[in-house]
């Protein structure tokens, strides 16, 4: 936005000049400033006006209009106070940390007036925040993972940027659900694990690892869910199965029982199982 500096000249004028920090911008019609943003607008016996285009912080300060008239010299001062919208200039990068780590987020901004900086957790929404350029998160938990927003505000505008925090943690598997299947029918065991990064799955019958595609079995894993499918259940398929979920931070497992008619056995979860007839 251009700024106009105007000076009422009064009596018969013999010499005029605009100065800034003792530097002459214009002496009458003669431009002394090398800045192309400065230009002469009006010069006559009543008015001496210059214009400054695209004002920035370097233009802030006092400007003096000096006039030599037929009576006496006189000066008029006017000040330019430059306001600058906030701009975030230093922001923490996206983070991947392990659960339990101490995390510090930094957000620094420039602007005039000096912007107020604040942090808040926006996704998922929560009460975690800070009215400061630093946000301290001691011993971060998986519930504190998400998108954090830094906001820098002053009287002119607001600048907003975000930081994503990913929290890694070891797998936790849901308790296995035992399944009863008649001979010759299709059966499915499902294993679900909560983990970041996502877990890899392994299936075992007793202590023997099951390989996908062998013995008429199929293992299909998608995201947090792994399925062990029996397409044609035989007597040899009945028994105890273990699902093991693994990532770089640890592992977790759960047990299943695939049973058929007249099954009387100890539950895979430790209680006595009664007889079933399918």
C-alpha atoms as a PDB file:
ATOM      1  CA  UNK A   1       0.000   0.000   0.000  1.00  0.00           C
ATOM      2  CA  UNK A   2       1.574   3.348  -1.018  1.00  0.00           C
ATOM      3  CA  UNK A   3       2.276   6.011   1.600  1.00  0.00           C
ATOM      4  CA  UNK A   4       1.909   9.723   0.756  1.00  0.00           C
ATOM      5  CA  UNK A   5       3.970  12.294   2.625  1.00  0.00           C
ATOM      6  CA  UNK A   6       2.332  15.735   2.317  1.00  0.00           C
ATOM      7  CA  UNK A   7       3.704  19.106   3.326  1.00  0.00           C
ATOM      8  CA  UNK A   8       1.782  22.424   3.326  1.00  0.00           C
ATOM      9  CA  UNK A   9       4.242  24.986   2.013  1.00  0.00           C
ATOM     10  CA  UNK A  10       2.551  28.221   3.180  1.00  0.00           C
ATOM     11  CA  UNK A  11       4.387  31.435   2.173  1.00  0.00           C
ATOM     12  CA  UNK A  12       6.374  31.968  -0.997  1.00  0.00           C
ATOM     13  CA  UNK A  13       8.710  28.996  -1.150  1.00  0.00           C
ATOM     14  CA  UNK A  14      12.236  29.188  -2.419  1.00  0.00           C
ATOM     15  CA  UNK A  15      13.577  25.706  -1.515  1.00  0.00           C
ATOM     16  CA  UNK A  16      11.977  22.419  -0.412  1.00  0.00           C
ATOM     17  CA  UNK A  17      13.236  18.973   0.542  1.00  0.00           C
ATOM     18  CA  UNK A  18      12.013  15.662   1.955  1.00  0.00           C
ATOM     19  CA  UNK A  19      14.457  13.828   4.195  1.00  0.00           C
ATOM     20  CA  UNK A  20      14.568  10.499   5.967  1.00  0.00           C
ATOM     21  CA  UNK A  21      17.293   9.715   8.518  1.00  0.00           C
ATOM     22  CA  UNK A  22      19.280  12.697   7.262  1.00  0.00           C
ATOM     23  CA  UNK A  23      19.146  11.346   3.713  1.00  0.00           C
ATOM     24  CA  UNK A  24      17.557  13.629   1.118  1.00  0.00           C
ATOM     25  CA  UNK A  25      14.789  11.931  -0.848  1.00  0.00           C
ATOM     26  CA  UNK A  26      13.731  14.919  -2.920  1.00  0.00           C
ATOM     27  CA  UNK A  27      15.108  18.450  -3.173  1.00  0.00           C
ATOM     28  CA  UNK A  28      12.399  20.294  -5.024  1.00  0.00           C
ATOM     29  CA  UNK A  29      11.811  18.424  -8.260  1.00  0.00           C
ATOM     30  CA  UNK A  30      15.209  16.744  -8.084  1.00  0.00           C
ATOM     31  CA  UNK A  31      15.116  13.153  -6.893  1.00  0.00           C
ATOM     32  CA  UNK A  32      18.078  12.281  -4.740  1.00  0.00           C
ATOM     33  CA  UNK A  33      16.872   8.863  -3.575  1.00  0.00           C
ATOM     34  CA  UNK A  34      17.940   5.871  -5.684  1.00  0.00           C
ATOM     35  CA  UNK A  35      14.919   3.890  -4.460  1.00  0.00           C
ATOM     36  CA  UNK A  36      12.531   3.360  -7.418  1.00  0.00           C
ATOM     37  CA  UNK A  37       9.584   3.113  -5.014  1.00  0.00           C
ATOM     38  CA  UNK A  38       9.876   6.809  -4.129  1.00  0.00           C
ATOM     39  CA  UNK A  39       8.255   9.307  -6.488  1.00  0.00           C
ATOM     40  CA  UNK A  40       7.097  12.915  -6.584  1.00  0.00           C
ATOM     41  CA  UNK A  41       3.340  13.484  -6.609  1.00  0.00           C
ATOM     42  CA  UNK A  42       2.802  17.218  -6.157  1.00  0.00           C
ATOM     43  CA  UNK A  43       5.104  20.236  -5.988  1.00  0.00           C
ATOM     44  CA  UNK A  44       3.705  23.765  -6.024  1.00  0.00           C
ATOM     45  CA  UNK A  45       3.493  26.804  -3.762  1.00  0.00           C
ATOM     46  CA  UNK A  46       0.875  25.099  -1.583  1.00  0.00           C
ATOM     47  CA  UNK A  47       1.924  21.444  -1.447  1.00  0.00           C
ATOM     48  CA  UNK A  48       4.954  19.161  -1.633  1.00  0.00           C
ATOM     49  CA  UNK A  49       3.958  15.476  -1.716  1.00  0.00           C
ATOM     50  CA  UNK A  50       5.988  12.328  -2.337  1.00  0.00           C
ATOM     51  CA  UNK A  51       4.826   8.713  -2.542  1.00  0.00           C
ATOM     52  CA  UNK A  52       6.496   5.486  -1.308  1.00  0.00           C
ATOM     53  CA  UNK A  53       5.253   2.297  -2.975  1.00  0.00           C
ATOM     54  CA  UNK A  54       5.260  -1.178  -1.383  1.00  0.00           C
ATOM     55  CA  UNK A  55       6.215   0.004   2.081  1.00  0.00           C
ATOM     56  CA  UNK A  56       8.294  -2.427   4.173  1.00  0.00           C
ATOM     57  CA  UNK A  57      10.009  -2.396   7.558  1.00  0.00           C
ATOM     58  CA  UNK A  58      13.001  -0.447   6.242  1.00  0.00           C
ATOM     59  CA  UNK A  59      10.707   2.504   5.553  1.00  0.00           C
ATOM     60  CA  UNK A  60       9.644   2.899   9.182  1.00  0.00           C
ATOM     61  CA  UNK A  61      10.774   6.064  10.929  1.00  0.00           C
ATOM     62  CA  UNK A  62      10.566   9.853  10.875  1.00  0.00           C
ATOM     63  CA  UNK A  63      10.312  11.861   7.647  1.00  0.00           C
ATOM     64  CA  UNK A  64      11.056  15.575   7.567  1.00  0.00           C
ATOM     65  CA  UNK A  65       9.720  18.149   5.142  1.00  0.00           C
ATOM     66  CA  UNK A  66      12.087  21.147   5.096  1.00  0.00           C
ATOM     67  CA  UNK A  67      10.833  24.354   3.530  1.00  0.00           C
ATOM     68  CA  UNK A  68      12.705  27.615   2.956  1.00  0.00           C
ATOM     69  CA  UNK A  69      10.234  30.476   2.520  1.00  0.00           C
ATOM     70  CA  UNK A  70      10.657  34.185   1.988  1.00  0.00           C
ATOM     71  CA  UNK A  71      10.169  34.663   5.720  1.00  0.00           C
ATOM     72  CA  UNK A  72      12.001  31.831   7.462  1.00  0.00           C
ATOM     73  CA  UNK A  73      12.895  28.160   7.185  1.00  0.00           C
ATOM     74  CA  UNK A  74      10.614  25.619   8.830  1.00  0.00           C
ATOM     75  CA  UNK A  75      10.306  21.863   9.110  1.00  0.00           C
ATOM     76  CA  UNK A  76       7.475  19.405   9.587  1.00  0.00           C
ATOM     77  CA  UNK A  77       7.963  15.840  10.808  1.00  0.00           C
ATOM     78  CA  UNK A  78       5.767  12.840  10.187  1.00  0.00           C
ATOM     79  CA  UNK A  79       6.306   9.244  11.233  1.00  0.00           C
ATOM     80  CA  UNK A  80       5.617   5.992   9.421  1.00  0.00           C
ATOM     81  CA  UNK A  81       4.814   3.001  11.625  1.00  0.00           C
ATOM     82  CA  UNK A  82       4.879  -0.152   9.516  1.00  0.00           C
ATOM     83  CA  UNK A  83       2.650  -3.069  10.532  1.00  0.00           C
ATOM     84  CA  UNK A  84       3.517  -6.517   9.210  1.00  0.00           C
ATOM     85  CA  UNK A  85       1.211  -9.565   9.166  1.00  0.00           C
ATOM     86  CA  UNK A  86       2.526 -12.586  11.070  1.00  0.00           C
ATOM     87  CA  UNK A  87       4.558 -15.227   9.282  1.00  0.00           C
ATOM     88  CA  UNK A  88       5.666 -18.510  10.818  1.00  0.00           C
ATOM     89  CA  UNK A  89       9.398 -18.709  10.103  1.00  0.00           C
ATOM     90  CA  UNK A  90      10.534 -21.697  12.200  1.00  0.00           C
ATOM     91  CA  UNK A  91       8.342 -24.766  12.698  1.00  0.00           C
ATOM     92  CA  UNK A  92       9.065 -28.290  13.903  1.00  0.00           C
ATOM     93  CA  UNK A  93       8.937 -30.903  11.165  1.00  0.00           C
ATOM     94  CA  UNK A  94       6.573 -33.880  11.237  1.00  0.00           C
ATOM     95  CA  UNK A  95       7.732 -36.371  13.867  1.00  0.00           C
ATOM     96  CA  UNK A  96       7.739 -40.150  14.283  1.00  0.00           C
ATOM     97  CA  UNK A  97       8.517 -41.135  17.884  1.00  0.00           C
ATOM     98  CA  UNK A  98       8.189 -44.157  20.135  1.00  0.00           C
ATOM     99  CA  UNK A  99       5.586 -44.175  22.879  1.00  0.00           C
ATOM    100  CA  UNK A 100       7.059 -42.799  26.103  1.00  0.00           C
ATOM    101  CA  UNK A 101       9.396 -40.330  24.367  1.00  0.00           C
ATOM    102  CA  UNK A 102       9.572 -36.678  25.408  1.00  0.00           C
ATOM    103  CA  UNK A 103       8.494 -34.355  22.596  1.00  0.00           C
ATOM    104  CA  UNK A 104       8.997 -30.603  22.142  1.00  0.00           C
ATOM    105  CA  UNK A 105       7.323 -28.695  19.322  1.00  0.00           C
ATOM    106  CA  UNK A 106       8.641 -25.266  18.294  1.00  0.00           C
ATOM    107  CA  UNK A 107       6.848 -22.516  16.389  1.00  0.00           C
ATOM    108  CA  UNK A 108       8.425 -19.089  15.904  1.00  0.00           C
ATOM    109  CA  UNK A 109       6.902 -16.222  13.961  1.00  0.00           C
ATOM    110  CA  UNK A 110       7.777 -12.730  12.766  1.00  0.00           C
ATOM    111  CA  UNK A 111       5.442  -9.756  12.425  1.00  0.00           C
ATOM    112  CA  UNK A 112       4.634  -6.328  13.806  1.00  0.00           C
ATOM    113  CA  UNK A 113       3.057  -5.978  16.273  1.00  0.00           C
ATOM    114  CA  UNK A 114       4.802  -9.072  17.612  1.00  0.00           C
ATOM    115  CA  UNK A 115       2.433 -11.993  17.037  1.00  0.00           C
ATOM    116  CA  UNK A 116       1.000 -14.149  19.797  1.00  0.00           C
ATOM    117  CA  UNK A 117       1.856 -17.819  19.205  1.00  0.00           C
ATOM    118  CA  UNK A 118      -0.202 -20.776  20.420  1.00  0.00           C
ATOM    119  CA  UNK A 119      -0.387 -24.554  19.937  1.00  0.00           C
ATOM    120  CA  UNK A 120      -3.339 -26.951  20.050  1.00  0.00           C
ATOM    121  CA  UNK A 121      -4.090 -30.559  19.162  1.00  0.00           C
ATOM    122  CA  UNK A 122      -6.736 -30.472  16.429  1.00  0.00           C
ATOM    123  CA  UNK A 123      -6.993 -34.076  15.173  1.00  0.00           C
ATOM    124  CA  UNK A 124      -8.107 -35.840  17.191  1.00  0.00           C
ATOM    125  CA  UNK A 125      -9.453 -32.837  19.061  1.00  0.00           C
ATOM    126  CA  UNK A 126      -8.268 -32.555  22.633  1.00  0.00           C
ATOM    127  CA  UNK A 127      -7.416 -30.233  25.482  1.00  0.00           C
ATOM    128  CA  UNK A 128      -3.671 -30.350  24.882  1.00  0.00           C
ATOM    129  CA  UNK A 129      -2.258 -26.947  23.951  1.00  0.00           C
ATOM    130  CA  UNK A 130       0.061 -24.084  24.830  1.00  0.00           C
ATOM    131  CA  UNK A 131      -0.025 -20.281  24.706  1.00  0.00           C
ATOM    132  CA  UNK A 132       3.650 -20.236  23.864  1.00  0.00           C
ATOM    133  CA  UNK A 133       5.956 -20.948  20.938  1.00  0.00           C
ATOM    134  CA  UNK A 134       6.965 -24.205  22.664  1.00  0.00           C
ATOM    135  CA  UNK A 135       4.716 -27.193  23.333  1.00  0.00           C
ATOM    136  CA  UNK A 136       6.154 -29.783  25.725  1.00  0.00           C
ATOM    137  CA  UNK A 137       4.692 -33.320  25.667  1.00  0.00           C
ATOM    138  CA  UNK A 138       6.460 -35.490  28.288  1.00  0.00           C
ATOM    139  CA  UNK A 139       6.273 -39.268  27.916  1.00  0.00           C
ATOM    140  CA  UNK A 140       3.972 -39.094  24.908  1.00  0.00           C
ATOM    141  CA  UNK A 141       1.223 -41.707  24.643  1.00  0.00           C
ATOM    142  CA  UNK A 142      -0.490 -43.113  21.559  1.00  0.00           C
ATOM    143  CA  UNK A 143      -3.546 -41.000  22.425  1.00  0.00           C
ATOM    144  CA  UNK A 144      -1.442 -37.856  21.828  1.00  0.00           C
ATOM    145  CA  UNK A 145      -0.631 -38.814  18.240  1.00  0.00           C
ATOM    146  CA  UNK A 146      -2.245 -36.601  15.610  1.00  0.00           C
ATOM    147  CA  UNK A 147      -2.136 -33.166  14.002  1.00  0.00           C
ATOM    148  CA  UNK A 148      -0.984 -30.161  15.998  1.00  0.00           C
ATOM    149  CA  UNK A 149      -1.742 -26.607  14.852  1.00  0.00           C
ATOM    150  CA  UNK A 150       0.458 -23.577  15.448  1.00  0.00           C
ATOM    151  CA  UNK A 151      -1.289 -20.220  15.174  1.00  0.00           C
ATOM    152  CA  UNK A 152       0.510 -16.852  15.051  1.00  0.00           C
ATOM    153  CA  UNK A 153      -1.766 -13.796  15.335  1.00  0.00           C
ATOM    154  CA  UNK A 154      -1.472 -10.031  15.555  1.00  0.00           C
ATOM    155  CA  UNK A 155      -3.770  -7.078  14.784  1.00  0.00           C
ATOM    156  CA  UNK A 156      -3.213  -7.535  11.058  1.00  0.00           C
ATOM    157  CA  UNK A 157      -3.752 -11.224  10.333  1.00  0.00           C
ATOM    158  CA  UNK A 158      -3.189 -14.841  11.414  1.00  0.00           C
ATOM    159  CA  UNK A 159      -0.785 -17.451  10.044  1.00  0.00           C
ATOM    160  CA  UNK A 160      -1.506 -21.132  10.693  1.00  0.00           C
ATOM    161  CA  UNK A 161       0.607 -24.243  10.043  1.00  0.00           C
ATOM    162  CA  UNK A 162       0.422 -27.839  11.254  1.00  0.00           C
ATOM    163  CA  UNK A 163       2.735 -30.620  12.434  1.00  0.00           C
ATOM    164  CA  UNK A 164       1.865 -34.329  12.423  1.00  0.00           C
ATOM    165  CA  UNK A 165       3.119 -36.607  15.209  1.00  0.00           C
ATOM    166  CA  UNK A 166       3.106 -40.373  14.708  1.00  0.00           C
ATOM    167  CA  UNK A 167       3.565 -42.444  17.873  1.00  0.00           C
ATOM    168  CA  UNK A 168       4.930 -45.985  17.447  1.00  0.00           C
ATOM    169  CA  UNK A 169       3.916 -48.689  19.913  1.00  0.00           C
ATOM    170  CA  UNK A 170       4.107 -52.466  20.244  1.00  0.00           C
ATOM    171  CA  UNK A 171       1.165 -54.647  19.149  1.00  0.00           C
ATOM    172  CA  UNK A 172      -1.785 -55.489  21.355  1.00  0.00           C
ATOM    173  CA  UNK A 173      -4.008 -58.293  20.059  1.00  0.00           C
ATOM    174  CA  UNK A 174      -7.679 -58.769  20.834  1.00  0.00           C
ATOM    175  CA  UNK A 175      -8.536 -61.987  22.669  1.00  0.00           C
ATOM    176  CA  UNK A 176      -9.060 -64.838  20.236  1.00  0.00           C
ATOM    177  CA  UNK A 177     -12.581 -66.200  19.693  1.00  0.00           C
ATOM    178  CA  UNK A 178     -12.844 -69.993  19.522  1.00  0.00           C
ATOM    179  CA  UNK A 179     -14.670 -71.376  16.504  1.00  0.00           C
ATOM    180  CA  UNK A 180     -16.693 -74.564  16.036  1.00  0.00           C
ATOM    181  CA  UNK A 181     -16.843 -76.067  12.527  1.00  0.00           C
ATOM    182  CA  UNK A 182     -18.341 -79.309  11.174  1.00  0.00           C
ATOM    183  CA  UNK A 183     -16.100 -81.657   9.173  1.00  0.00           C
ATOM    184  CA  UNK A 184     -15.892 -80.671   5.523  1.00  0.00           C
ATOM    185  CA  UNK A 185     -17.110 -77.138   6.129  1.00  0.00           C
ATOM    186  CA  UNK A 186     -15.309 -73.805   5.840  1.00  0.00           C
ATOM    187  CA  UNK A 187     -13.884 -72.220   8.979  1.00  0.00           C
ATOM    188  CA  UNK A 188     -12.171 -68.883   9.678  1.00  0.00           C
ATOM    189  CA  UNK A 189     -10.063 -67.678  12.610  1.00  0.00           C
ATOM    190  CA  UNK A 190      -9.664 -63.894  12.855  1.00  0.00           C
ATOM    191  CA  UNK A 191      -6.848 -62.084  14.627  1.00  0.00           C
ATOM    192  CA  UNK A 192      -6.870 -58.303  15.118  1.00  0.00           C
ATOM    193  CA  UNK A 193      -3.945 -56.250  16.436  1.00  0.00           C
ATOM    194  CA  UNK A 194      -3.569 -52.597  17.380  1.00  0.00           C
ATOM    195  CA  UNK A 195      -0.025 -51.438  16.532  1.00  0.00           C
ATOM    196  CA  UNK A 196       2.019 -48.625  14.948  1.00  0.00           C
ATOM    197  CA  UNK A 197       3.636 -49.370  12.616  1.00  0.00           C
ATOM    198  CA  UNK A 198       1.158 -52.041  11.548  1.00  0.00           C
ATOM    199  CA  UNK A 199       1.989 -55.526  12.753  1.00  0.00           C
ATOM    200  CA  UNK A 200       3.118 -58.512  10.728  1.00  0.00           C
ATOM    201  CA  UNK A 201       1.211 -61.685  11.557  1.00  0.00           C
ATOM    202  CA  UNK A 202       2.311 -65.287  12.031  1.00  0.00           C
ATOM    203  CA  UNK A 203       0.009 -68.265  12.633  1.00  0.00           C
ATOM    204  CA  UNK A 204       0.934 -71.450  14.514  1.00  0.00           C
ATOM    205  CA  UNK A 205      -0.768 -74.775  15.233  1.00  0.00           C
ATOM    206  CA  UNK A 206       0.688 -75.938  18.492  1.00  0.00           C
ATOM    207  CA  UNK A 207       4.389 -75.055  17.914  1.00  0.00           C
ATOM    208  CA  UNK A 208       4.406 -75.443  14.125  1.00  0.00           C
ATOM    209  CA  UNK A 209       4.245 -72.322  11.972  1.00  0.00           C
ATOM    210  CA  UNK A 210       1.548 -72.374   9.309  1.00  0.00           C
ATOM    211  CA  UNK A 211       2.611 -71.375   5.799  1.00  0.00           C
ATOM    212  CA  UNK A 212       0.135 -69.730   3.477  1.00  0.00           C
ATOM    213  CA  UNK A 213      -1.298 -72.033   0.807  1.00  0.00           C
ATOM    214  CA  UNK A 214      -0.199 -75.318   2.395  1.00  0.00           C
ATOM    215  CA  UNK A 215      -2.569 -78.035   3.673  1.00  0.00           C
ATOM    216  CA  UNK A 216      -5.590 -76.288   2.222  1.00  0.00           C
ATOM    217  CA  UNK A 217      -5.118 -73.202   4.421  1.00  0.00           C
ATOM    218  CA  UNK A 218      -5.022 -69.552   3.405  1.00  0.00           C
ATOM    219  CA  UNK A 219      -3.672 -66.581   5.370  1.00  0.00           C
ATOM    220  CA  UNK A 220      -4.933 -63.159   4.311  1.00  0.00           C
ATOM    221  CA  UNK A 221      -3.773 -60.030   6.131  1.00  0.00           C
ATOM    222  CA  UNK A 222      -5.180 -56.570   5.549  1.00  0.00           C
ATOM    223  CA  UNK A 223      -4.066 -53.744   7.815  1.00  0.00           C
ATOM    224  CA  UNK A 224      -4.731 -54.675  11.431  1.00  0.00           C
ATOM    225  CA  UNK A 225      -6.647 -57.899  10.645  1.00  0.00           C
ATOM    226  CA  UNK A 226      -5.311 -61.349   9.725  1.00  0.00           C
ATOM    227  CA  UNK A 227      -7.557 -64.273   8.770  1.00  0.00           C
ATOM    228  CA  UNK A 228      -6.692 -67.979   8.743  1.00  0.00           C
ATOM    229  CA  UNK A 229      -9.149 -69.811   6.485  1.00  0.00           C
ATOM    230  CA  UNK A 230      -9.844 -73.581   6.386  1.00  0.00           C
ATOM    231  CA  UNK A 231     -11.642 -74.409   3.127  1.00  0.00           C
ATOM    232  CA  UNK A 232     -12.454 -78.047   4.013  1.00  0.00           C
ATOM    233  CA  UNK A 233     -12.043 -78.796   7.708  1.00  0.00           C
ATOM    234  CA  UNK A 234     -10.646 -82.261   8.536  1.00  0.00           C
ATOM    235  CA  UNK A 235     -10.023 -84.043  11.826  1.00  0.00           C
ATOM    236  CA  UNK A 236      -6.399 -82.993  11.662  1.00  0.00           C
ATOM    237  CA  UNK A 237      -7.376 -79.315  11.626  1.00  0.00           C
ATOM    238  CA  UNK A 238      -9.035 -79.364  15.035  1.00  0.00           C
ATOM    239  CA  UNK A 239      -6.895 -78.101  17.869  1.00  0.00           C
ATOM    240  CA  UNK A 240      -5.162 -75.063  19.313  1.00  0.00           C
ATOM    241  CA  UNK A 241      -3.901 -72.194  17.173  1.00  0.00           C
ATOM    242  CA  UNK A 242      -1.821 -69.138  18.043  1.00  0.00           C
ATOM    243  CA  UNK A 243      -1.766 -65.769  16.269  1.00  0.00           C
ATOM    244  CA  UNK A 244       1.427 -63.761  16.777  1.00  0.00           C
ATOM    245  CA  UNK A 245       1.511 -60.035  15.914  1.00  0.00           C
ATOM    246  CA  UNK A 246       4.968 -58.449  15.546  1.00  0.00           C
ATOM    247  CA  UNK A 247       6.440 -55.030  14.822  1.00  0.00           C
ATOM    248  CA  UNK A 248       9.813 -53.434  15.543  1.00  0.00           C
ATOM    249  CA  UNK A 249       8.768 -52.500  19.095  1.00  0.00           C
ATOM    250  CA  UNK A 250       7.551 -55.895  20.271  1.00  0.00           C
ATOM    251  CA  UNK A 251       5.015 -58.665  19.872  1.00  0.00           C
ATOM    252  CA  UNK A 252       1.774 -59.996  21.279  1.00  0.00           C
ATOM    253  CA  UNK A 253      -0.201 -63.186  20.799  1.00  0.00           C
ATOM    254  CA  UNK A 254      -3.566 -64.771  21.397  1.00  0.00           C
ATOM    255  CA  UNK A 255      -4.847 -68.362  21.247  1.00  0.00           C
ATOM    256  CA  UNK A 256      -7.799 -69.988  19.461  1.00  0.00           C
ATOM    257  CA  UNK A 257      -9.483 -73.380  19.562  1.00  0.00           C
ATOM    258  CA  UNK A 258     -10.907 -74.853  16.369  1.00  0.00           C
ATOM    259  CA  UNK A 259     -13.310 -77.552  17.514  1.00  0.00           C
ATOM    260  CA  UNK A 260     -15.886 -79.952  16.066  1.00  0.00           C
ATOM    261  CA  UNK A 261     -18.773 -82.118  17.281  1.00  0.00           C
ATOM    262  CA  UNK A 262     -18.511 -83.808  20.692  1.00  0.00           C
ATOM    263  CA  UNK A 263     -15.517 -81.659  21.680  1.00  0.00           C
ATOM    264  CA  UNK A 264     -14.643 -81.952  25.366  1.00  0.00           C
ATOM    265  CA  UNK A 265     -11.420 -80.139  26.100  1.00  0.00           C
ATOM    266  CA  UNK A 266      -9.782 -77.485  28.186  1.00  0.00           C
ATOM    267  CA  UNK A 267     -10.453 -74.049  26.762  1.00  0.00           C
ATOM    268  CA  UNK A 268      -7.560 -72.309  25.058  1.00  0.00           C
ATOM    269  CA  UNK A 269      -8.205 -69.523  27.605  1.00  0.00           C
ATOM    270  CA  UNK A 270      -7.875 -71.768  30.635  1.00  0.00           C
ATOM    271  CA  UNK A 271     -11.472 -72.779  31.592  1.00  0.00           C
ATOM    272  CA  UNK A 272     -13.062 -76.215  31.159  1.00  0.00           C
ATOM    273  CA  UNK A 273     -15.020 -76.624  27.942  1.00  0.00           C
ATOM    274  CA  UNK A 274     -18.228 -78.679  27.890  1.00  0.00           C
ATOM    275  CA  UNK A 275     -19.282 -81.018  25.075  1.00  0.00           C
ATOM    276  CA  UNK A 276     -20.568 -79.552  21.795  1.00  0.00           C
ATOM    277  CA  UNK A 277     -22.606 -81.182  19.115  1.00  0.00           C
ATOM    278  CA  UNK A 278     -22.817 -79.433  15.733  1.00  0.00           C
END
